[in-house]
Amino acid sequence: MRPQRFDLIVFDWDGTLFDSTALIARSIQRSAQDLGLKVPSEADAKYVIGLGLRDALTHVLPDLVPERYQDLVARYRHHYLAAEHEVALFEGSLEMLHGLKARHHWLAVATGKNRVGLDRCLQNEALQGLFDATRTADETHSKPNPAMLYELMRELGVDAERTVMIGDTTHDLQLAQNAGTASVGVSFGAHDHESFAEFNPAFVAHSTRELHDWLMAHA
């Protein structure tokens, strides 16, 4: 089988393939508490997931003075890394990725994680060889700037009309809109799927199984 509509399928990582939304939000809250800052609500902490770490932390913690940014990053990483082993890929993600690979789609990741963090996740033996290209927020512009998708499309030689971006946040869908690609939203991550409508996603999946089935039928 060959790709029907999309040659390149780009996935967000956290909250789309990796069940890390709650951990990220909790780590943001605990790092703010450590530094004596106003602790953001869970909803506010989830809203910034998908952005690069600097953009996320400065957005959700506007009272942070620049001189303490590195202290906050250190506390965030402390809390996140202490519990990262407790989270995993959403059930069915590996099956979906292998199915798409068998259909000869290019697979890529565009994430707000940094390179070290993503590479640590991709060391999982089951993920070896699945992704053809990846971009992280510390090596290009953060979402929703279209640079990540532009760079991935250029690297793999795929046009925008043959590319789809899949993500759990409005940042992902706006990224796709800015880059001129199609998008698909997933409702089981950081953002309320009702906020997706203005970005006109081709589909909103309410489970990895739904996403898998839609991609196999329409991608």
C-alpha atoms as a PDB file:
ATOM      1  CA  MET A   1       0.000   0.000   0.000  1.00  0.00           C
ATOM      2  CA  ARG A   2       1.109   3.536  -0.760  1.00  0.00           C
ATOM      3  CA  PRO A   3       0.228   6.894   0.778  1.00  0.00           C
ATOM      4  CA  GLN A   4      -3.054   8.222  -0.583  1.00  0.00           C
ATOM      5  CA  ARG A   5      -3.153  11.859   0.453  1.00  0.00           C
ATOM      6  CA  PHE A   6      -0.092  12.537   2.602  1.00  0.00           C
ATOM      7  CA  ASP A   7       3.516  11.544   2.005  1.00  0.00           C
ATOM      8  CA  LEU A   8       4.688  13.142   5.270  1.00  0.00           C
ATOM      9  CA  ILE A   9       2.940  12.682   8.624  1.00  0.00           C
ATOM     10  CA  VAL A  10       4.358  14.873  11.389  1.00  0.00           C
ATOM     11  CA  PHE A  11       3.517  14.128  15.017  1.00  0.00           C
ATOM     12  CA  ASP A  12       3.770  16.293  18.069  1.00  0.00           C
ATOM     13  CA  TRP A  13       5.296  14.295  20.938  1.00  0.00           C
ATOM     14  CA  ASP A  14       3.965  15.212  24.411  1.00  0.00           C
ATOM     15  CA  GLY A  15       0.232  14.608  24.700  1.00  0.00           C
ATOM     16  CA  THR A  16      -0.011  13.162  21.185  1.00  0.00           C
ATOM     17  CA  LEU A  17       2.242  10.099  21.162  1.00  0.00           C
ATOM     18  CA  PHE A  18       3.603  10.292  24.717  1.00  0.00           C
ATOM     19  CA  ASP A  19       1.256  10.353  27.726  1.00  0.00           C
ATOM     20  CA  SER A  20       3.142  13.102  29.545  1.00  0.00           C
ATOM     21  CA  THR A  21       0.624  15.957  29.821  1.00  0.00           C
ATOM     22  CA  ALA A  22      -0.089  15.548  33.536  1.00  0.00           C
ATOM     23  CA  LEU A  23       3.611  15.159  34.377  1.00  0.00           C
ATOM     24  CA  ILE A  24       4.592  18.327  32.501  1.00  0.00           C
ATOM     25  CA  ALA A  25       1.836  20.383  34.126  1.00  0.00           C
ATOM     26  CA  ARG A  26       2.737  19.065  37.580  1.00  0.00           C
ATOM     27  CA  SER A  27       6.441  19.775  37.018  1.00  0.00           C
ATOM     28  CA  ILE A  28       5.666  23.384  36.039  1.00  0.00           C
ATOM     29  CA  GLN A  29       3.544  23.842  39.161  1.00  0.00           C
ATOM     30  CA  ARG A  30       6.119  22.311  41.496  1.00  0.00           C
ATOM     31  CA  SER A  31       9.010  24.310  40.041  1.00  0.00           C
ATOM     32  CA  ALA A  32       7.022  27.536  40.551  1.00  0.00           C
ATOM     33  CA  GLN A  33       6.338  26.535  44.136  1.00  0.00           C
ATOM     34  CA  ASP A  34      10.028  25.798  44.712  1.00  0.00           C
ATOM     35  CA  LEU A  35      10.929  29.355  43.693  1.00  0.00           C
ATOM     36  CA  GLY A  36       8.142  31.007  45.667  1.00  0.00           C
ATOM     37  CA  LEU A  37       6.236  32.057  42.556  1.00  0.00           C
ATOM     38  CA  LYS A  38       2.466  32.047  42.109  1.00  0.00           C
ATOM     39  CA  VAL A  39       1.595  28.480  41.209  1.00  0.00           C
ATOM     40  CA  PRO A  40      -0.364  28.353  37.931  1.00  0.00           C
ATOM     41  CA  SER A  41      -3.567  26.390  37.658  1.00  0.00           C
ATOM     42  CA  GLU A  42      -3.466  22.985  36.007  1.00  0.00           C
ATOM     43  CA  ALA A  43      -5.325  24.420  33.005  1.00  0.00           C
ATOM     44  CA  ASP A  44      -2.801  27.256  32.603  1.00  0.00           C
ATOM     45  CA  ALA A  45       0.130  24.861  32.973  1.00  0.00           C
ATOM     46  CA  LYS A  46      -1.353  22.556  30.334  1.00  0.00           C
ATOM     47  CA  TYR A  47      -1.998  25.436  27.947  1.00  0.00           C
ATOM     48  CA  VAL A  48       1.729  26.083  27.362  1.00  0.00           C
ATOM     49  CA  ILE A  49       2.580  22.440  26.637  1.00  0.00           C
ATOM     50  CA  GLY A  50       3.943  22.215  23.110  1.00  0.00           C
ATOM     51  CA  LEU A  51       5.791  25.506  23.240  1.00  0.00           C
ATOM     52  CA  GLY A  52       9.538  25.625  23.688  1.00  0.00           C
ATOM     53  CA  LEU A  53      10.496  25.503  27.365  1.00  0.00           C
ATOM     54  CA  ARG A  54      11.543  29.175  27.598  1.00  0.00           C
ATOM     55  CA  ASP A  55       8.364  30.357  25.885  1.00  0.00           C
ATOM     56  CA  ALA A  56       6.240  28.051  28.018  1.00  0.00           C
ATOM     57  CA  LEU A  57       7.717  29.068  31.356  1.00  0.00           C
ATOM     58  CA  THR A  58       7.790  32.804  30.665  1.00  0.00           C
ATOM     59  CA  HIS A  59       4.189  32.683  29.428  1.00  0.00           C
ATOM     60  CA  VAL A  60       2.748  30.737  32.348  1.00  0.00           C
ATOM     61  CA  LEU A  61       4.910  32.496  34.973  1.00  0.00           C
ATOM     62  CA  PRO A  62       4.969  36.166  33.915  1.00  0.00           C
ATOM     63  CA  ASP A  63       6.309  37.297  37.298  1.00  0.00           C
ATOM     64  CA  LEU A  64       9.551  35.406  36.750  1.00  0.00           C
ATOM     65  CA  VAL A  65      12.530  37.762  36.558  1.00  0.00           C
ATOM     66  CA  PRO A  66      15.070  36.881  33.838  1.00  0.00           C
ATOM     67  CA  GLU A  67      17.823  36.341  36.402  1.00  0.00           C
ATOM     68  CA  ARG A  68      15.914  33.381  37.861  1.00  0.00           C
ATOM     69  CA  TYR A  69      14.993  31.687  34.603  1.00  0.00           C
ATOM     70  CA  GLN A  70      17.802  29.121  34.788  1.00  0.00           C
ATOM     71  CA  ASP A  71      16.861  28.296  38.386  1.00  0.00           C
ATOM     72  CA  LEU A  72      13.307  27.618  37.253  1.00  0.00           C
ATOM     73  CA  VAL A  73      14.481  25.442  34.363  1.00  0.00           C
ATOM     74  CA  ALA A  74      16.653  23.443  36.762  1.00  0.00           C
ATOM     75  CA  ARG A  75      13.718  22.837  39.109  1.00  0.00           C
ATOM     76  CA  TYR A  76      11.418  21.914  36.217  1.00  0.00           C
ATOM     77  CA  ARG A  77      13.888  19.374  34.877  1.00  0.00           C
ATOM     78  CA  HIS A  78      14.417  17.969  38.361  1.00  0.00           C
ATOM     79  CA  HIS A  79      10.718  17.265  38.812  1.00  0.00           C
ATOM     80  CA  TYR A  80      10.163  16.039  35.242  1.00  0.00           C
ATOM     81  CA  LEU A  81      13.125  13.670  35.110  1.00  0.00           C
ATOM     82  CA  ALA A  82      12.319  12.238  38.533  1.00  0.00           C
ATOM     83  CA  ALA A  83       9.046  10.858  37.164  1.00  0.00           C
ATOM     84  CA  GLU A  84       9.585  10.510  33.404  1.00  0.00           C
ATOM     85  CA  HIS A  85      10.023   6.757  33.805  1.00  0.00           C
ATOM     86  CA  GLU A  86       6.407   6.561  35.008  1.00  0.00           C
ATOM     87  CA  VAL A  87       4.931   7.692  31.666  1.00  0.00           C
ATOM     88  CA  ALA A  88       4.931   5.964  28.294  1.00  0.00           C
ATOM     89  CA  LEU A  89       3.579   6.073  24.777  1.00  0.00           C
ATOM     90  CA  PHE A  90      -0.192   6.031  24.515  1.00  0.00           C
ATOM     91  CA  GLU A  91      -1.472   2.511  24.024  1.00  0.00           C
ATOM     92  CA  GLY A  92      -1.659   1.746  20.318  1.00  0.00           C
ATOM     93  CA  SER A  93       0.885   4.377  19.245  1.00  0.00           C
ATOM     94  CA  LEU A  94       3.540   1.861  18.220  1.00  0.00           C
ATOM     95  CA  GLU A  95       1.050  -0.190  16.225  1.00  0.00           C
ATOM     96  CA  MET A  96      -0.094   2.969  14.457  1.00  0.00           C
ATOM     97  CA  LEU A  97       3.433   4.132  13.649  1.00  0.00           C
ATOM     98  CA  HIS A  98       4.471   0.730  12.304  1.00  0.00           C
ATOM     99  CA  GLY A  99       1.326   0.565  10.183  1.00  0.00           C
ATOM    100  CA  LEU A 100       2.023   3.953   8.654  1.00  0.00           C
ATOM    101  CA  LYS A 101       5.663   3.067   8.056  1.00  0.00           C
ATOM    102  CA  ALA A 102       4.578  -0.089   6.247  1.00  0.00           C
ATOM    103  CA  ARG A 103       2.544   2.129   3.923  1.00  0.00           C
ATOM    104  CA  HIS A 104       5.727   4.058   3.049  1.00  0.00           C
ATOM    105  CA  HIS A 105       4.784   7.351   4.666  1.00  0.00           C
ATOM    106  CA  TRP A 106       7.589   9.590   5.843  1.00  0.00           C
ATOM    107  CA  LEU A 107       7.191   9.984   9.632  1.00  0.00           C
ATOM    108  CA  ALA A 108       8.521  12.948  11.592  1.00  0.00           C
ATOM    109  CA  VAL A 109       8.289  14.642  14.995  1.00  0.00           C
ATOM    110  CA  ALA A 110       7.901  18.373  15.661  1.00  0.00           C
ATOM    111  CA  THR A 111       8.046  19.023  19.397  1.00  0.00           C
ATOM    112  CA  GLY A 112       8.474  21.663  22.042  1.00  0.00           C
ATOM    113  CA  LYS A 113      10.928  19.353  23.829  1.00  0.00           C
ATOM    114  CA  ASN A 114      14.623  20.041  23.564  1.00  0.00           C
ATOM    115  CA  ARG A 115      16.923  17.790  21.548  1.00  0.00           C
ATOM    116  CA  VAL A 116      18.338  15.999  24.586  1.00  0.00           C
ATOM    117  CA  GLY A 117      14.850  15.243  25.894  1.00  0.00           C
ATOM    118  CA  LEU A 118      13.509  13.922  22.604  1.00  0.00           C
ATOM    119  CA  ASP A 119      16.596  11.819  21.923  1.00  0.00           C
ATOM    120  CA  ARG A 120      16.273  10.293  25.379  1.00  0.00           C
ATOM    121  CA  CYS A 121      12.722   9.191  24.488  1.00  0.00           C
ATOM    122  CA  LEU A 122      13.739   7.914  21.060  1.00  0.00           C
ATOM    123  CA  GLN A 123      16.352   5.619  22.577  1.00  0.00           C
ATOM    124  CA  ASN A 124      13.453   3.223  23.180  1.00  0.00           C
ATOM    125  CA  GLU A 125      14.347   0.176  21.105  1.00  0.00           C
ATOM    126  CA  ALA A 126      10.788  -0.110  19.805  1.00  0.00           C
ATOM    127  CA  LEU A 127      11.078   3.334  18.198  1.00  0.00           C
ATOM    128  CA  GLN A 128      14.330   2.709  16.344  1.00  0.00           C
ATOM    129  CA  GLY A 129      14.061   3.534  12.643  1.00  0.00           C
ATOM    130  CA  LEU A 130      10.457   4.758  12.761  1.00  0.00           C
ATOM    131  CA  PHE A 131      11.052   8.488  12.361  1.00  0.00           C
ATOM    132  CA  ASP A 132      12.731   9.887   9.274  1.00  0.00           C
ATOM    133  CA  ALA A 133      13.333  13.368  10.682  1.00  0.00           C
ATOM    134  CA  THR A 134      12.719  15.327  13.890  1.00  0.00           C
ATOM    135  CA  ARG A 135      12.762  18.943  15.022  1.00  0.00           C
ATOM    136  CA  THR A 136      12.895  20.320  18.566  1.00  0.00           C
ATOM    137  CA  ALA A 137      12.241  23.781  19.929  1.00  0.00           C
ATOM    138  CA  ASP A 138      15.848  24.436  20.950  1.00  0.00           C
ATOM    139  CA  GLU A 139      17.202  23.974  17.411  1.00  0.00           C
ATOM    140  CA  THR A 140      14.663  26.091  15.513  1.00  0.00           C
ATOM    141  CA  HIS A 141      11.735  28.412  16.232  1.00  0.00           C
ATOM    142  CA  SER A 142       9.092  27.357  18.738  1.00  0.00           C
ATOM    143  CA  LYS A 143       5.527  26.623  17.677  1.00  0.00           C
ATOM    144  CA  PRO A 144       3.417  28.106  16.171  1.00  0.00           C
ATOM    145  CA  ASN A 145       6.180  29.613  14.006  1.00  0.00           C
ATOM    146  CA  PRO A 146       6.108  27.460  10.840  1.00  0.00           C
ATOM    147  CA  ALA A 147       9.879  26.875  10.777  1.00  0.00           C
ATOM    148  CA  MET A 148       9.691  23.307  12.145  1.00  0.00           C
ATOM    149  CA  LEU A 149       7.387  22.157   9.369  1.00  0.00           C
ATOM    150  CA  TYR A 150       9.218  24.119   6.687  1.00  0.00           C
ATOM    151  CA  GLU A 151      12.490  22.470   7.703  1.00  0.00           C
ATOM    152  CA  LEU A 152      11.018  18.969   7.855  1.00  0.00           C
ATOM    153  CA  MET A 153       9.327  19.334   4.467  1.00  0.00           C
ATOM    154  CA  ARG A 154      12.526  20.659   2.927  1.00  0.00           C
ATOM    155  CA  GLU A 155      14.649  17.882   4.455  1.00  0.00           C
ATOM    156  CA  LEU A 156      12.347  15.138   3.179  1.00  0.00           C
ATOM    157  CA  GLY A 157      11.422  16.794  -0.106  1.00  0.00           C
ATOM    158  CA  VAL A 158       7.671  16.912   0.520  1.00  0.00           C
ATOM    159  CA  ASP A 159       5.290  19.713  -0.452  1.00  0.00           C
ATOM    160  CA  ALA A 160       2.865  21.311   2.009  1.00  0.00           C
ATOM    161  CA  GLU A 161      -0.200  19.838   0.313  1.00  0.00           C
ATOM    162  CA  ARG A 162       1.233  16.335   0.906  1.00  0.00           C
ATOM    163  CA  THR A 163       1.954  16.964   4.608  1.00  0.00           C
ATOM    164  CA  VAL A 164      -0.221  16.667   7.714  1.00  0.00           C
ATOM    165  CA  MET A 165       0.580  17.819  11.258  1.00  0.00           C
ATOM    166  CA  ILE A 166      -0.966  15.891  14.161  1.00  0.00           C
ATOM    167  CA  GLY A 167      -1.138  17.381  17.644  1.00  0.00           C
ATOM    168  CA  ASP A 168      -3.052  17.846  20.868  1.00  0.00           C
ATOM    169  CA  THR A 169      -2.821  21.639  21.166  1.00  0.00           C
ATOM    170  CA  THR A 170      -3.859  24.752  19.309  1.00  0.00           C
ATOM    171  CA  HIS A 171      -0.119  25.483  19.010  1.00  0.00           C
ATOM    172  CA  ASP A 172       0.208  22.397  16.780  1.00  0.00           C
ATOM    173  CA  LEU A 173      -2.800  23.246  14.656  1.00  0.00           C
ATOM    174  CA  GLN A 174      -1.737  26.863  14.278  1.00  0.00           C
ATOM    175  CA  LEU A 175       1.724  25.641  13.273  1.00  0.00           C
ATOM    176  CA  ALA A 176       0.118  23.634  10.478  1.00  0.00           C
ATOM    177  CA  GLN A 177      -2.045  26.557   9.419  1.00  0.00           C
ATOM    178  CA  ASN A 178       0.969  28.875   9.323  1.00  0.00           C
ATOM    179  CA  ALA A 179       2.929  26.360   7.232  1.00  0.00           C
ATOM    180  CA  GLY A 180       0.063  25.718   4.818  1.00  0.00           C
ATOM    181  CA  THR A 181      -0.350  22.033   5.684  1.00  0.00           C
ATOM    182  CA  ALA A 182      -3.342  19.960   6.746  1.00  0.00           C
ATOM    183  CA  SER A 183      -3.798  19.175  10.428  1.00  0.00           C
ATOM    184  CA  VAL A 184      -5.418  16.583  12.664  1.00  0.00           C
ATOM    185  CA  GLY A 185      -6.182  17.184  16.319  1.00  0.00           C
ATOM    186  CA  VAL A 186      -6.281  14.707  19.178  1.00  0.00           C
ATOM    187  CA  SER A 187      -8.528  15.385  22.152  1.00  0.00           C
ATOM    188  CA  PHE A 188      -6.700  13.302  24.770  1.00  0.00           C
ATOM    189  CA  GLY A 189      -3.786  15.692  25.385  1.00  0.00           C
ATOM    190  CA  ALA A 190      -3.315  19.172  26.791  1.00  0.00           C
ATOM    191  CA  HIS A 191      -5.981  21.357  25.120  1.00  0.00           C
ATOM    192  CA  ASP A 192      -9.762  21.168  25.012  1.00  0.00           C
ATOM    193  CA  HIS A 193     -10.662  19.963  21.537  1.00  0.00           C
ATOM    194  CA  GLU A 194     -13.438  22.553  21.301  1.00  0.00           C
ATOM    195  CA  SER A 195     -10.684  25.144  20.809  1.00  0.00           C
ATOM    196  CA  PHE A 196      -9.505  23.373  17.633  1.00  0.00           C
ATOM    197  CA  ALA A 197     -12.369  24.469  15.378  1.00  0.00           C
ATOM    198  CA  GLU A 198     -10.904  27.813  14.321  1.00  0.00           C
ATOM    199  CA  PHE A 199      -7.908  25.983  12.809  1.00  0.00           C
ATOM    200  CA  ASN A 200     -10.104  23.736  10.666  1.00  0.00           C
ATOM    201  CA  PRO A 201      -8.456  20.357  11.310  1.00  0.00           C
ATOM    202  CA  ALA A 202      -9.293  17.605   8.859  1.00  0.00           C
ATOM    203  CA  PHE A 203     -10.263  15.361  11.772  1.00  0.00           C
ATOM    204  CA  VAL A 204     -10.270  15.278  15.583  1.00  0.00           C
ATOM    205  CA  ALA A 205      -9.480  11.887  17.117  1.00  0.00           C
ATOM    206  CA  HIS A 206     -10.685  11.003  20.597  1.00  0.00           C
ATOM    207  CA  SER A 207      -8.360   8.025  20.990  1.00  0.00           C
ATOM    208  CA  THR A 208      -5.212   6.648  19.425  1.00  0.00           C
ATOM    209  CA  ARG A 209      -7.383   3.920  17.878  1.00  0.00           C
ATOM    210  CA  GLU A 210      -9.554   6.557  16.176  1.00  0.00           C
ATOM    211  CA  LEU A 211      -6.445   8.350  14.950  1.00  0.00           C
ATOM    212  CA  HIS A 212      -4.981   5.097  13.623  1.00  0.00           C
ATOM    213  CA  ASP A 213      -8.175   4.174  11.799  1.00  0.00           C
ATOM    214  CA  TRP A 214      -8.590   7.634  10.259  1.00  0.00           C
ATOM    215  CA  LEU A 215      -5.006   7.737   9.018  1.00  0.00           C
ATOM    216  CA  MET A 216      -5.201   4.278   7.514  1.00  0.00           C
ATOM    217  CA  ALA A 217      -8.424   5.227   5.707  1.00  0.00           C
ATOM    218  CA  HIS A 218      -7.632   8.781   4.640  1.00  0.00           C
ATOM    219  CA  ALA A 219      -3.883   9.464   4.761  1.00  0.00           C
END
